[in-house]
Amino acid sequence: MRHIFKCPKCERYTMQEKCACGPATETAKPAKFSPEDKYSIYRRKAKEDARKKEGLI
């Protein structure tokens, strides 16, 4: 079964593990939802820090 990937540089979607523009692609699917997510606090903290750097918060 093949998965869809997204290029971090040009943000295009592809089925290849390496984009035509050069870098390796990343999985485009989000993590599976779990109500007992042990790492949710760390993920939210990381997003908050990134948004502060971008000036969104």
N, C-alpha and C. Protein backbone atom coordinates (compact mmCIF):
# COMPACT_ATOMS: atom_id res chain seq x y z
N MET A 1 0.84 -1.19 0.00
CA MET A 1 0.00 0.00 0.00
C MET A 1 0.88 1.24 0.00
N ARG A 2 0.60 2.17 -0.87
CA ARG A 2 1.40 3.39 -0.99
C ARG A 2 0.72 4.51 -0.21
N HIS A 3 1.53 5.41 0.27
CA HIS A 3 1.03 6.54 1.04
C HIS A 3 1.34 7.85 0.32
N ILE A 4 0.63 8.89 0.72
CA ILE A 4 0.87 10.21 0.16
C ILE A 4 1.87 10.94 1.05
N PHE A 5 2.79 11.64 0.44
CA PHE A 5 3.82 12.39 1.14
C PHE A 5 3.73 13.86 0.77
N LYS A 6 4.36 14.71 1.59
CA LYS A 6 4.38 16.15 1.32
C LYS A 6 5.81 16.65 1.39
N CYS A 7 6.18 17.48 0.45
CA CYS A 7 7.53 18.04 0.42
C CYS A 7 7.61 19.21 1.40
N PRO A 8 8.60 19.24 2.30
CA PRO A 8 8.71 20.35 3.25
C PRO A 8 9.19 21.64 2.60
N LYS A 9 9.83 21.55 1.44
CA LYS A 9 10.37 22.73 0.77
C LYS A 9 9.33 23.42 -0.11
N CYS A 10 8.77 22.69 -1.07
CA CYS A 10 7.83 23.30 -2.02
C CYS A 10 6.37 23.04 -1.62
N GLU A 11 6.13 22.24 -0.61
CA GLU A 11 4.81 21.92 -0.06
C GLU A 11 3.87 21.26 -1.07
N ARG A 12 4.44 20.53 -2.03
CA ARG A 12 3.64 19.76 -2.97
C ARG A 12 3.42 18.35 -2.42
N TYR A 13 2.31 17.74 -2.80
CA TYR A 13 2.01 16.37 -2.42
C TYR A 13 2.49 15.44 -3.51
N THR A 14 3.00 14.27 -3.12
CA THR A 14 3.52 13.31 -4.07
C THR A 14 3.41 11.90 -3.49
N MET A 15 3.61 10.91 -4.34
CA MET A 15 3.63 9.52 -3.90
C MET A 15 5.08 9.03 -3.78
N GLN A 16 6.03 9.88 -4.11
CA GLN A 16 7.45 9.52 -4.08
C GLN A 16 8.05 9.84 -2.71
N GLU A 17 9.10 9.12 -2.35
CA GLU A 17 9.77 9.37 -1.07
C GLU A 17 10.77 10.51 -1.17
N LYS A 18 11.03 10.97 -2.40
CA LYS A 18 11.91 12.11 -2.61
C LYS A 18 11.24 13.03 -3.62
N CYS A 19 11.17 14.32 -3.32
CA CYS A 19 10.50 15.28 -4.19
C CYS A 19 11.37 15.62 -5.40
N ALA A 20 10.74 16.10 -6.46
CA ALA A 20 11.46 16.50 -7.67
C ALA A 20 12.37 17.70 -7.40
N CYS A 21 12.03 18.53 -6.40
CA CYS A 21 12.86 19.70 -6.09
C CYS A 21 14.07 19.34 -5.23
N GLY A 22 14.16 18.08 -4.74
CA GLY A 22 15.36 17.65 -4.04
C GLY A 22 15.21 16.96 -2.70
N PRO A 23 14.56 17.58 -1.70
CA PRO A 23 14.58 16.99 -0.36
C PRO A 23 13.69 15.75 -0.22
N ALA A 24 13.94 15.01 0.84
CA ALA A 24 13.10 13.86 1.17
C ALA A 24 11.74 14.36 1.63
N THR A 25 10.70 13.62 1.28
CA THR A 25 9.35 14.01 1.65
C THR A 25 8.99 13.49 3.04
N GLU A 26 7.94 14.06 3.61
CA GLU A 26 7.44 13.66 4.92
C GLU A 26 6.03 13.12 4.76
N THR A 27 5.60 12.29 5.69
CA THR A 27 4.25 11.76 5.61
C THR A 27 3.24 12.89 5.79
N ALA A 28 2.16 12.83 5.03
CA ALA A 28 1.16 13.89 5.07
C ALA A 28 0.00 13.55 6.01
N LYS A 29 -0.01 12.32 6.51
CA LYS A 29 -1.11 11.91 7.38
C LYS A 29 -0.85 12.36 8.81
N PRO A 30 -1.86 12.85 9.50
CA PRO A 30 -1.68 13.22 10.90
C PRO A 30 -1.56 11.98 11.78
N ALA A 31 -1.07 12.19 12.98
CA ALA A 31 -0.95 11.07 13.93
C ALA A 31 -2.33 10.56 14.31
N LYS A 32 -2.41 9.30 14.66
CA LYS A 32 -3.67 8.69 15.05
C LYS A 32 -4.17 9.31 16.34
N PHE A 33 -5.46 9.61 16.43
CA PHE A 33 -6.04 10.23 17.62
C PHE A 33 -6.19 9.19 18.73
N SER A 34 -5.85 9.60 19.94
CA SER A 34 -6.04 8.75 21.10
C SER A 34 -6.43 9.63 22.28
N PRO A 35 -7.50 9.32 23.00
CA PRO A 35 -7.87 10.12 24.17
C PRO A 35 -6.84 10.04 25.29
N GLU A 36 -6.03 8.98 25.30
CA GLU A 36 -4.99 8.83 26.31
C GLU A 36 -3.62 9.24 25.76
N ASP A 37 -3.59 10.26 24.95
CA ASP A 37 -2.35 10.71 24.32
C ASP A 37 -1.38 11.22 25.39
N LYS A 38 -0.26 10.52 25.55
CA LYS A 38 0.73 10.87 26.57
C LYS A 38 1.55 12.09 26.19
N TYR A 39 1.66 12.39 24.90
CA TYR A 39 2.56 13.42 24.44
C TYR A 39 1.85 14.69 23.97
N SER A 40 0.55 14.80 24.19
CA SER A 40 -0.20 15.94 23.69
C SER A 40 0.27 17.26 24.30
N ILE A 41 0.64 17.25 25.57
CA ILE A 41 1.10 18.49 26.21
C ILE A 41 2.39 19.00 25.55
N TYR A 42 3.27 18.08 25.17
CA TYR A 42 4.53 18.48 24.53
C TYR A 42 4.28 19.00 23.11
N ARG A 43 3.33 18.37 22.40
CA ARG A 43 3.02 18.81 21.05
C ARG A 43 2.40 20.20 21.06
N ARG A 44 1.48 20.44 22.00
CA ARG A 44 0.87 21.77 22.10
C ARG A 44 1.89 22.82 22.49
N LYS A 45 2.82 22.49 23.38
CA LYS A 45 3.87 23.42 23.80
C LYS A 45 4.78 23.77 22.61
N ALA A 46 5.12 22.77 21.81
CA ALA A 46 5.97 23.00 20.63
C ALA A 46 5.26 23.90 19.62
N LYS A 47 3.96 23.68 19.41
CA LYS A 47 3.20 24.52 18.48
C LYS A 47 3.10 25.94 19.01
N GLU A 48 2.90 26.09 20.32
CA GLU A 48 2.81 27.41 20.92
C GLU A 48 4.12 28.17 20.77
N ASP A 49 5.25 27.50 20.99
CA ASP A 49 6.56 28.13 20.84
C ASP A 49 6.79 28.56 19.39
N ALA A 50 6.41 27.70 18.44
CA ALA A 50 6.58 28.02 17.02
C ALA A 50 5.71 29.21 16.63
N ARG A 51 4.50 29.28 17.15
CA ARG A 51 3.61 30.40 16.83
C ARG A 51 4.11 31.70 17.44
N LYS A 52 4.73 31.63 18.61
CA LYS A 52 5.30 32.83 19.22
C LYS A 52 6.46 33.36 18.39
N LYS A 53 7.29 32.45 17.85
CA LYS A 53 8.41 32.86 17.01
C LYS A 53 7.92 33.53 15.73
N GLU A 54 6.80 33.05 15.20
CA GLU A 54 6.24 33.63 13.97
C GLU A 54 5.44 34.90 14.23
N GLY A 55 5.21 35.22 15.50
CA GLY A 55 4.46 36.43 15.84
C GLY A 55 2.96 36.26 15.75
N LEU A 56 2.48 35.03 15.79
CA LEU A 56 1.04 34.79 15.68
C LEU A 56 0.35 34.86 17.04
N ILE A 57 1.12 34.73 18.10
CA ILE A 57 0.54 34.82 19.45
C ILE A 57 1.11 36.04 20.14
